[in-house]
Amino acid sequence: MVRQRVVLGSSGDDERARGAARRLRDEGQEIVYVGGHQSPEQLVRTAIAEDAAAIVVDGDAQAMARIAELCAELGAAEVLVTPLDVRPDAPRSP
């Protein structure tokens, strides 16, 4: 498994995000945990500053879309944006 830096946060309460951060850390990922009540702008700027490969966020579809949009606007289109609970039908960035 290739170790990658992942920014993990929540647009609301961070209870689920804290648990996910621990699981991903235990799986070998390098986690940059930013906590709850983060705006899409805060998450994207953190990912850029930390040179992260992915943003995992506990948020709604609107927040996810805005994060992907900001990544493209700010030159970080290669950053994978994924929801916290990955389901086959969950929105993901290309």
C-alpha atoms as a PDB file:
ATOM      1  CA  MET A   1       0.000   0.000   0.000  1.00  0.00           C
ATOM      2  CA  VAL A   2       1.328   3.413  -0.953  1.00  0.00           C
ATOM      3  CA  ARG A   3       1.231   5.855   1.946  1.00  0.00           C
ATOM      4  CA  GLN A   4      -0.487   9.073   0.957  1.00  0.00           C
ATOM      5  CA  ARG A   5      -1.361  12.262   2.777  1.00  0.00           C
ATOM      6  CA  VAL A   6      -5.102  12.667   3.311  1.00  0.00           C
ATOM      7  CA  VAL A   7      -6.923  15.746   4.608  1.00  0.00           C
ATOM      8  CA  LEU A   8      -9.920  14.636   6.636  1.00  0.00           C
ATOM      9  CA  GLY A   9     -12.602  16.895   8.048  1.00  0.00           C
ATOM     10  CA  SER A  10     -16.278  17.590   8.377  1.00  0.00           C
ATOM     11  CA  SER A  11     -18.598  20.383   7.325  1.00  0.00           C
ATOM     12  CA  GLY A  12     -20.641  19.694  10.480  1.00  0.00           C
ATOM     13  CA  ASP A  13     -20.123  17.751  13.690  1.00  0.00           C
ATOM     14  CA  ASP A  14     -16.860  15.812  13.650  1.00  0.00           C
ATOM     15  CA  GLU A  15     -17.760  12.653  15.582  1.00  0.00           C
ATOM     16  CA  ARG A  16     -17.745  10.351  12.536  1.00  0.00           C
ATOM     17  CA  ALA A  17     -14.691  12.076  11.083  1.00  0.00           C
ATOM     18  CA  ARG A  18     -12.633  11.414  14.232  1.00  0.00           C
ATOM     19  CA  GLY A  19     -13.346   7.693  13.998  1.00  0.00           C
ATOM     20  CA  ALA A  20     -12.508   7.632  10.303  1.00  0.00           C
ATOM     21  CA  ALA A  21      -9.238   9.459  10.938  1.00  0.00           C
ATOM     22  CA  ARG A  22      -8.190   6.776  13.429  1.00  0.00           C
ATOM     23  CA  ARG A  23      -9.140   3.952  11.034  1.00  0.00           C
ATOM     24  CA  LEU A  24      -7.270   5.473   8.104  1.00  0.00           C
ATOM     25  CA  ARG A  25      -4.226   6.157  10.285  1.00  0.00           C
ATOM     26  CA  ASP A  26      -4.272   2.536  11.456  1.00  0.00           C
ATOM     27  CA  GLU A  27      -4.402   1.448   7.799  1.00  0.00           C
ATOM     28  CA  GLY A  28      -1.180   3.370   7.137  1.00  0.00           C
ATOM     29  CA  GLN A  29      -2.389   6.646   5.694  1.00  0.00           C
ATOM     30  CA  GLU A  30      -0.861   9.956   6.743  1.00  0.00           C
ATOM     31  CA  ILE A  31      -3.828  11.927   8.086  1.00  0.00           C
ATOM     32  CA  VAL A  32      -4.136  15.687   8.367  1.00  0.00           C
ATOM     33  CA  TYR A  33      -7.195  15.940  10.593  1.00  0.00           C
ATOM     34  CA  VAL A  34      -8.809  19.389  10.528  1.00  0.00           C
ATOM     35  CA  GLY A  35     -11.890  18.702  12.660  1.00  0.00           C
ATOM     36  CA  GLY A  36     -15.484  19.718  12.241  1.00  0.00           C
ATOM     37  CA  HIS A  37     -17.350  22.761  11.017  1.00  0.00           C
ATOM     38  CA  GLN A  38     -14.898  23.362   8.175  1.00  0.00           C
ATOM     39  CA  SER A  39     -15.882  25.290   5.070  1.00  0.00           C
ATOM     40  CA  PRO A  40     -15.100  23.853   1.634  1.00  0.00           C
ATOM     41  CA  GLU A  41     -12.555  26.648   1.215  1.00  0.00           C
ATOM     42  CA  GLN A  42     -10.760  25.692   4.442  1.00  0.00           C
ATOM     43  CA  LEU A  43     -10.573  22.042   3.422  1.00  0.00           C
ATOM     44  CA  VAL A  44      -9.207  22.771  -0.046  1.00  0.00           C
ATOM     45  CA  ARG A  45      -6.661  25.325   1.150  1.00  0.00           C
ATOM     46  CA  THR A  46      -5.447  22.848   3.777  1.00  0.00           C
ATOM     47  CA  ALA A  47      -5.101  20.122   1.134  1.00  0.00           C
ATOM     48  CA  ILE A  48      -3.046  22.455  -1.059  1.00  0.00           C
ATOM     49  CA  ALA A  49      -0.844  23.616   1.829  1.00  0.00           C
ATOM     50  CA  GLU A  50      -0.262  20.039   2.993  1.00  0.00           C
ATOM     51  CA  ASP A  51       0.304  18.687  -0.534  1.00  0.00           C
ATOM     52  CA  ALA A  52      -2.413  16.094   0.084  1.00  0.00           C
ATOM     53  CA  ALA A  53      -3.447  13.433  -2.419  1.00  0.00           C
ATOM     54  CA  ALA A  54      -7.046  13.316  -1.183  1.00  0.00           C
ATOM     55  CA  ILE A  55      -9.716  15.106   0.805  1.00  0.00           C
ATOM     56  CA  VAL A  56     -12.105  12.895   2.756  1.00  0.00           C
ATOM     57  CA  VAL A  57     -15.041  14.872   4.056  1.00  0.00           C
ATOM     58  CA  ASP A  58     -18.116  14.155   6.128  1.00  0.00           C
ATOM     59  CA  GLY A  59     -20.482  16.494   4.320  1.00  0.00           C
ATOM     60  CA  ASP A  60     -23.464  16.745   2.049  1.00  0.00           C
ATOM     61  CA  ALA A  61     -23.494  16.600  -1.751  1.00  0.00           C
ATOM     62  CA  GLN A  62     -23.467  20.394  -2.034  1.00  0.00           C
ATOM     63  CA  ALA A  63     -20.276  20.651   0.052  1.00  0.00           C
ATOM     64  CA  MET A  64     -18.666  17.841  -1.936  1.00  0.00           C
ATOM     65  CA  ALA A  65     -19.448  19.569  -5.227  1.00  0.00           C
ATOM     66  CA  ARG A  66     -18.071  22.887  -3.957  1.00  0.00           C
ATOM     67  CA  ILE A  67     -14.849  21.225  -2.757  1.00  0.00           C
ATOM     68  CA  ALA A  68     -14.293  19.580  -6.152  1.00  0.00           C
ATOM     69  CA  GLU A  69     -15.050  22.906  -7.867  1.00  0.00           C
ATOM     70  CA  LEU A  70     -12.554  24.760  -5.650  1.00  0.00           C
ATOM     71  CA  CYS A  71      -9.875  22.145  -6.267  1.00  0.00           C
ATOM     72  CA  ALA A  72     -10.206  22.746  -9.998  1.00  0.00           C
ATOM     73  CA  GLU A  73     -10.250  26.547  -9.583  1.00  0.00           C
ATOM     74  CA  LEU A  74      -7.194  26.617  -7.310  1.00  0.00           C
ATOM     75  CA  GLY A  75      -5.021  24.298  -9.400  1.00  0.00           C
ATOM     76  CA  ALA A  76      -5.496  21.140  -7.348  1.00  0.00           C
ATOM     77  CA  ALA A  77      -7.646  19.158  -9.774  1.00  0.00           C
ATOM     78  CA  GLU A  78      -5.523  16.045  -9.102  1.00  0.00           C
ATOM     79  CA  VAL A  79      -6.699  15.922  -5.469  1.00  0.00           C
ATOM     80  CA  LEU A  80      -9.260  13.155  -5.018  1.00  0.00           C
ATOM     81  CA  VAL A  81     -12.394  14.361  -3.222  1.00  0.00           C
ATOM     82  CA  THR A  82     -14.383  11.604  -1.573  1.00  0.00           C
ATOM     83  CA  PRO A  83     -17.146  11.405   1.014  1.00  0.00           C
ATOM     84  CA  LEU A  84     -16.468   9.882   4.399  1.00  0.00           C
ATOM     85  CA  ASP A  85     -18.804   6.930   3.894  1.00  0.00           C
ATOM     86  CA  VAL A  86     -17.852   5.640   0.479  1.00  0.00           C
ATOM     87  CA  ARG A  87     -20.760   3.893  -1.187  1.00  0.00           C
ATOM     88  CA  PRO A  88     -21.000   2.815  -4.828  1.00  0.00           C
ATOM     89  CA  ASP A  89     -23.550   5.591  -5.469  1.00  0.00           C
ATOM     90  CA  ALA A  90     -21.686   8.294  -3.502  1.00  0.00           C
ATOM     91  CA  PRO A  91     -20.435  11.338  -5.452  1.00  0.00           C
ATOM     92  CA  ARG A  92     -16.679  11.410  -6.129  1.00  0.00           C
ATOM     93  CA  SER A  93     -14.439  13.709  -8.048  1.00  0.00           C
ATOM     94  CA  PRO A  94     -13.143  12.356 -11.365  1.00  0.00           C
END
